[in-house]
Amino acid sequence: MTTIKAQLNHLRVAPRKTRLVADMIRGKSAVEAEAILKQVIKRSADPMAKLLKSAIANAKHNFKIEKKDLKISKVTVDEGPMLKRGMPRSRGQVFPIQKKTSHIILELEQIKTEK
């Protein structure tokens, strides 16, 4: 069984918010996942759709597998490096702000078609 991977690093959306979108498409077919991502109103939905299209293009180019024969086998969202900033507060204090990033790994597998 062939596994097709695509990876997106340093997405400037917190992993906790990105996992909400990843949970929606996990285990779905590639066609169904594209339709779902088109409808979702979340900031991480557009980059996730772009990543899915990239994985589908990898499958088509490298393994000659059509989009209708693919399903999402695994989506992982990990925490990337954090941008650390400060917000000035009273009496000269600085309160920390953490701007989090996400690393997304998307894996597709071929659906077994019966002939």
N, C-alpha and C. Protein backbone atom coordinates (compact mmCIF):
# COMPACT_ATOMS: atom_id res chain seq x y z
N MET A 1 0.85 -1.19 0.00
CA MET A 1 0.00 0.00 0.00
C MET A 1 0.89 1.24 0.00
N THR A 2 0.60 2.17 -0.88
CA THR A 2 1.42 3.37 -1.00
C THR A 2 0.88 4.47 -0.09
N THR A 3 1.80 5.19 0.52
CA THR A 3 1.45 6.32 1.37
C THR A 3 2.04 7.57 0.75
N ILE A 4 1.20 8.57 0.57
CA ILE A 4 1.62 9.84 -0.01
C ILE A 4 1.62 10.88 1.08
N LYS A 5 2.72 11.62 1.22
CA LYS A 5 2.85 12.60 2.29
C LYS A 5 2.96 14.01 1.72
N ALA A 6 2.44 14.96 2.50
CA ALA A 6 2.67 16.37 2.24
C ALA A 6 2.80 17.05 3.59
N GLN A 7 3.66 18.06 3.66
CA GLN A 7 3.96 18.67 4.95
C GLN A 7 3.94 20.19 4.83
N LEU A 8 3.40 20.84 5.86
CA LEU A 8 3.37 22.30 5.94
C LEU A 8 3.96 22.70 7.27
N ASN A 9 5.00 23.52 7.25
CA ASN A 9 5.67 23.96 8.47
C ASN A 9 5.45 25.45 8.71
N HIS A 10 5.49 25.84 9.95
CA HIS A 10 5.46 27.24 10.39
C HIS A 10 4.18 27.97 9.99
N LEU A 11 3.04 27.30 10.06
CA LEU A 11 1.75 27.97 9.83
C LEU A 11 1.45 28.84 11.03
N ARG A 12 1.19 30.12 10.83
CA ARG A 12 1.02 31.06 11.93
C ARG A 12 -0.40 31.01 12.51
N VAL A 13 -0.84 29.82 12.87
CA VAL A 13 -2.11 29.58 13.56
C VAL A 13 -1.78 28.61 14.69
N ALA A 14 -2.37 28.81 15.84
CA ALA A 14 -2.09 27.94 16.98
C ALA A 14 -2.50 26.50 16.67
N PRO A 15 -1.73 25.52 17.13
CA PRO A 15 -2.03 24.12 16.84
C PRO A 15 -3.40 23.68 17.37
N ARG A 16 -3.80 24.23 18.49
CA ARG A 16 -5.09 23.87 19.09
C ARG A 16 -6.25 24.23 18.14
N LYS A 17 -6.12 25.36 17.45
CA LYS A 17 -7.15 25.79 16.51
C LYS A 17 -7.06 25.01 15.19
N THR A 18 -5.84 24.67 14.79
CA THR A 18 -5.64 23.93 13.55
C THR A 18 -6.16 22.49 13.68
N ARG A 19 -6.04 21.91 14.88
CA ARG A 19 -6.51 20.54 15.10
C ARG A 19 -8.02 20.42 14.93
N LEU A 20 -8.77 21.50 15.18
CA LEU A 20 -10.22 21.48 14.97
C LEU A 20 -10.55 21.19 13.50
N VAL A 21 -9.79 21.80 12.60
CA VAL A 21 -10.00 21.59 11.16
C VAL A 21 -9.50 20.21 10.75
N ALA A 22 -8.35 19.80 11.31
CA ALA A 22 -7.79 18.49 10.98
C ALA A 22 -8.73 17.36 11.38
N ASP A 23 -9.41 17.51 12.51
CA ASP A 23 -10.34 16.48 12.97
C ASP A 23 -11.54 16.32 12.03
N MET A 24 -11.90 17.39 11.33
CA MET A 24 -13.05 17.33 10.42
C MET A 24 -12.77 16.46 9.19
N ILE A 25 -11.52 16.42 8.74
CA ILE A 25 -11.22 15.72 7.49
C ILE A 25 -10.53 14.37 7.70
N ARG A 26 -10.15 14.06 8.91
CA ARG A 26 -9.42 12.81 9.17
C ARG A 26 -10.29 11.60 8.82
N GLY A 27 -9.75 10.69 7.99
CA GLY A 27 -10.47 9.47 7.61
C GLY A 27 -11.41 9.61 6.43
N LYS A 28 -11.58 10.81 5.91
CA LYS A 28 -12.49 11.05 4.78
C LYS A 28 -11.77 10.79 3.45
N SER A 29 -12.55 10.66 2.38
CA SER A 29 -11.95 10.55 1.05
C SER A 29 -11.43 11.93 0.64
N ALA A 30 -10.53 11.95 -0.32
CA ALA A 30 -9.91 13.21 -0.74
C ALA A 30 -10.94 14.17 -1.33
N VAL A 31 -11.89 13.64 -2.09
CA VAL A 31 -12.93 14.48 -2.71
C VAL A 31 -13.82 15.09 -1.63
N GLU A 32 -14.21 14.27 -0.66
CA GLU A 32 -15.08 14.72 0.43
C GLU A 32 -14.35 15.75 1.31
N ALA A 33 -13.06 15.53 1.58
CA ALA A 33 -12.28 16.45 2.40
C ALA A 33 -12.14 17.81 1.73
N GLU A 34 -11.95 17.82 0.42
CA GLU A 34 -11.88 19.09 -0.32
C GLU A 34 -13.18 19.88 -0.19
N ALA A 35 -14.30 19.18 -0.29
CA ALA A 35 -15.61 19.83 -0.16
C ALA A 35 -15.81 20.40 1.24
N ILE A 36 -15.38 19.66 2.25
CA ILE A 36 -15.50 20.12 3.64
C ILE A 36 -14.65 21.36 3.86
N LEU A 37 -13.40 21.32 3.40
CA LEU A 37 -12.49 22.45 3.62
C LEU A 37 -12.94 23.72 2.89
N LYS A 38 -13.67 23.53 1.80
CA LYS A 38 -14.19 24.69 1.06
C LYS A 38 -15.26 25.43 1.87
N GLN A 39 -15.98 24.69 2.72
CA GLN A 39 -17.10 25.25 3.48
C GLN A 39 -16.73 25.76 4.87
N VAL A 40 -15.62 25.29 5.41
CA VAL A 40 -15.24 25.62 6.79
C VAL A 40 -14.78 27.07 6.88
N ILE A 41 -15.29 27.78 7.89
CA ILE A 41 -14.90 29.17 8.09
C ILE A 41 -13.91 29.22 9.26
N LYS A 42 -12.68 28.80 9.00
CA LYS A 42 -11.59 28.85 9.97
C LYS A 42 -10.36 29.32 9.22
N ARG A 43 -9.46 29.99 9.92
CA ARG A 43 -8.28 30.55 9.27
C ARG A 43 -7.34 29.47 8.74
N SER A 44 -7.32 28.32 9.39
CA SER A 44 -6.41 27.25 8.96
C SER A 44 -7.00 26.36 7.87
N ALA A 45 -8.24 26.60 7.46
CA ALA A 45 -8.88 25.77 6.43
C ALA A 45 -8.24 25.98 5.05
N ASP A 46 -7.91 27.20 4.70
CA ASP A 46 -7.31 27.47 3.38
C ASP A 46 -5.92 26.84 3.23
N PRO A 47 -5.01 27.03 4.21
CA PRO A 47 -3.72 26.35 4.08
C PRO A 47 -3.85 24.82 4.08
N MET A 48 -4.82 24.30 4.83
CA MET A 48 -5.03 22.84 4.88
C MET A 48 -5.54 22.35 3.53
N ALA A 49 -6.41 23.12 2.86
CA ALA A 49 -6.90 22.75 1.53
C ALA A 49 -5.76 22.77 0.51
N LYS A 50 -4.89 23.76 0.63
CA LYS A 50 -3.74 23.86 -0.26
C LYS A 50 -2.80 22.67 -0.06
N LEU A 51 -2.62 22.26 1.19
CA LEU A 51 -1.78 21.10 1.51
C LEU A 51 -2.38 19.81 0.95
N LEU A 52 -3.72 19.69 1.05
CA LEU A 52 -4.40 18.53 0.50
C LEU A 52 -4.24 18.46 -1.02
N LYS A 53 -4.37 19.60 -1.68
CA LYS A 53 -4.18 19.65 -3.14
C LYS A 53 -2.75 19.25 -3.52
N SER A 54 -1.79 19.67 -2.69
CA SER A 54 -0.40 19.31 -2.93
C SER A 54 -0.19 17.80 -2.81
N ALA A 55 -0.81 17.19 -1.79
CA ALA A 55 -0.68 15.75 -1.60
C ALA A 55 -1.33 14.99 -2.75
N ILE A 56 -2.48 15.49 -3.23
CA ILE A 56 -3.17 14.86 -4.37
C ILE A 56 -2.30 14.96 -5.63
N ALA A 57 -1.66 16.12 -5.82
CA ALA A 57 -0.77 16.31 -6.97
C ALA A 57 0.44 15.38 -6.87
N ASN A 58 0.96 15.17 -5.65
CA ASN A 58 2.07 14.24 -5.46
C ASN A 58 1.65 12.82 -5.86
N ALA A 59 0.45 12.42 -5.46
CA ALA A 59 -0.05 11.08 -5.77
C ALA A 59 -0.22 10.90 -7.28
N LYS A 60 -0.75 11.93 -7.92
CA LYS A 60 -1.00 11.85 -9.36
C LYS A 60 0.31 11.80 -10.14
N HIS A 61 1.26 12.63 -9.75
CA HIS A 61 2.52 12.73 -10.49
C HIS A 61 3.45 11.54 -10.22
N ASN A 62 3.60 11.18 -8.94
CA ASN A 62 4.58 10.15 -8.57
C ASN A 62 4.06 8.72 -8.70
N PHE A 63 2.77 8.51 -8.39
CA PHE A 63 2.24 7.15 -8.36
C PHE A 63 1.12 6.88 -9.35
N LYS A 64 0.72 7.89 -10.14
CA LYS A 64 -0.36 7.77 -11.13
C LYS A 64 -1.68 7.30 -10.49
N ILE A 65 -2.01 7.88 -9.32
CA ILE A 65 -3.25 7.54 -8.61
C ILE A 65 -4.21 8.71 -8.77
N GLU A 66 -5.45 8.43 -9.12
CA GLU A 66 -6.45 9.47 -9.30
C GLU A 66 -7.00 9.94 -7.95
N LYS A 67 -7.57 11.15 -7.95
CA LYS A 67 -8.08 11.76 -6.72
C LYS A 67 -9.21 10.95 -6.09
N LYS A 68 -10.06 10.36 -6.90
CA LYS A 68 -11.21 9.61 -6.37
C LYS A 68 -10.80 8.32 -5.67
N ASP A 69 -9.56 7.86 -5.90
CA ASP A 69 -9.06 6.62 -5.29
C ASP A 69 -8.25 6.87 -4.02
N LEU A 70 -8.27 8.10 -3.50
CA LEU A 70 -7.46 8.44 -2.33
C LEU A 70 -8.32 8.74 -1.10
N LYS A 71 -7.78 8.41 0.07
CA LYS A 71 -8.41 8.80 1.32
C LYS A 71 -7.34 9.29 2.29
N ILE A 72 -7.75 10.12 3.23
CA ILE A 72 -6.82 10.67 4.20
C ILE A 72 -6.64 9.64 5.31
N SER A 73 -5.42 9.13 5.43
CA SER A 73 -5.17 8.10 6.44
C SER A 73 -4.69 8.72 7.75
N LYS A 74 -3.99 9.84 7.67
CA LYS A 74 -3.40 10.41 8.88
C LYS A 74 -3.20 11.91 8.71
N VAL A 75 -3.60 12.68 9.72
CA VAL A 75 -3.32 14.11 9.77
C VAL A 75 -2.80 14.41 11.16
N THR A 76 -1.58 14.92 11.24
CA THR A 76 -1.05 15.30 12.54
C THR A 76 -0.73 16.78 12.54
N VAL A 77 -1.05 17.42 13.66
CA VAL A 77 -0.76 18.84 13.84
C VAL A 77 0.12 18.95 15.08
N ASP A 78 1.36 19.36 14.86
CA ASP A 78 2.32 19.51 15.95
C ASP A 78 2.63 20.98 16.17
N GLU A 79 3.18 21.27 17.34
CA GLU A 79 3.53 22.64 17.66
C GLU A 79 4.87 23.00 17.05
N GLY A 80 4.94 24.16 16.41
CA GLY A 80 6.19 24.64 15.84
C GLY A 80 6.85 25.63 16.79
N PRO A 81 7.84 26.35 16.31
CA PRO A 81 8.51 27.33 17.17
C PRO A 81 7.57 28.49 17.52
N MET A 82 7.78 29.05 18.70
CA MET A 82 6.92 30.11 19.20
C MET A 82 7.61 31.46 19.04
N LEU A 83 6.87 32.44 18.56
CA LEU A 83 7.39 33.81 18.53
C LEU A 83 7.06 34.43 19.88
N LYS A 84 8.07 34.90 20.58
CA LYS A 84 7.85 35.45 21.92
C LYS A 84 7.89 36.96 21.86
N ARG A 85 6.82 37.58 22.26
CA ARG A 85 6.68 39.03 22.25
C ARG A 85 6.26 39.49 23.64
N GLY A 86 6.25 40.80 23.85
CA GLY A 86 5.85 41.33 25.15
C GLY A 86 4.84 42.45 25.00
N MET A 87 3.94 42.54 25.97
CA MET A 87 2.94 43.61 26.00
C MET A 87 3.26 44.51 27.19
N PRO A 88 3.49 45.78 26.97
CA PRO A 88 3.80 46.66 28.09
C PRO A 88 2.59 46.82 29.02
N ARG A 89 2.86 46.77 30.30
CA ARG A 89 1.83 46.92 31.33
C ARG A 89 2.23 48.04 32.29
N SER A 90 1.45 48.18 33.32
CA SER A 90 1.68 49.27 34.26
C SER A 90 2.99 49.10 35.03
N ARG A 91 3.53 50.18 35.51
CA ARG A 91 4.76 50.25 36.32
C ARG A 91 5.96 49.64 35.61
N GLY A 92 6.01 49.76 34.29
CA GLY A 92 7.17 49.30 33.54
C GLY A 92 7.29 47.80 33.37
N GLN A 93 6.24 47.06 33.70
CA GLN A 93 6.28 45.61 33.56
C GLN A 93 5.99 45.21 32.12
N VAL A 94 6.44 44.02 31.77
CA VAL A 94 6.16 43.45 30.45
C VAL A 94 5.51 42.09 30.65
N PHE A 95 4.35 41.89 30.03
CA PHE A 95 3.68 40.60 30.09
C PHE A 95 3.96 39.85 28.80
N PRO A 96 4.29 38.55 28.89
CA PRO A 96 4.64 37.80 27.69
C PRO A 96 3.44 37.47 26.80
N ILE A 97 3.70 37.47 25.49
CA ILE A 97 2.71 37.03 24.50
C ILE A 97 3.39 35.94 23.69
N GLN A 98 2.71 34.81 23.54
CA GLN A 98 3.25 33.70 22.76
C GLN A 98 2.47 33.59 21.45
N LYS A 99 3.15 33.81 20.34
CA LYS A 99 2.53 33.65 19.03
C LYS A 99 2.91 32.28 18.53
N LYS A 100 1.96 31.35 18.55
CA LYS A 100 2.27 29.95 18.27
C LYS A 100 2.17 29.63 16.78
N THR A 101 2.93 28.61 16.38
CA THR A 101 2.91 28.15 15.00
C THR A 101 2.63 26.65 14.97
N SER A 102 2.21 26.15 13.81
CA SER A 102 1.84 24.75 13.66
C SER A 102 2.65 24.10 12.55
N HIS A 103 2.93 22.81 12.73
CA HIS A 103 3.48 21.96 11.68
C HIS A 103 2.42 20.91 11.36
N ILE A 104 2.00 20.82 10.09
CA ILE A 104 0.96 19.87 9.68
C ILE A 104 1.57 18.82 8.77
N ILE A 105 1.29 17.55 9.06
CA ILE A 105 1.69 16.44 8.18
C ILE A 105 0.42 15.72 7.75
N LEU A 106 0.21 15.62 6.44
CA LEU A 106 -0.98 14.98 5.89
C LEU A 106 -0.55 13.77 5.08
N GLU A 107 -1.16 12.62 5.36
CA GLU A 107 -0.84 11.40 4.62
C GLU A 107 -2.09 10.86 3.95
N LEU A 108 -1.93 10.50 2.68
CA LEU A 108 -3.01 9.90 1.90
C LEU A 108 -2.66 8.44 1.62
N GLU A 109 -3.68 7.62 1.48
CA GLU A 109 -3.46 6.24 1.05
C GLU A 109 -4.48 5.88 -0.01
N GLN A 110 -4.14 4.89 -0.79
CA GLN A 110 -5.01 4.46 -1.88
C GLN A 110 -6.14 3.60 -1.34
N ILE A 111 -7.37 3.86 -1.81
CA ILE A 111 -8.51 3.05 -1.45
C ILE A 111 -8.46 1.78 -2.30
N LYS A 112 -8.66 0.65 -1.67
CA LYS A 112 -8.64 -0.61 -2.41
C LYS A 112 -9.89 -0.69 -3.27
N THR A 113 -9.72 -0.66 -4.57
CA THR A 113 -10.86 -0.74 -5.48
C THR A 113 -11.04 -2.20 -5.91
N GLU A 114 -12.26 -2.65 -5.88
CA GLU A 114 -12.56 -4.04 -6.24
C GLU A 114 -13.00 -4.08 -7.69
N LYS A 115 -12.48 -5.09 -8.43
CA LYS A 115 -12.79 -5.18 -9.85
C LYS A 115 -13.65 -6.39 -10.13
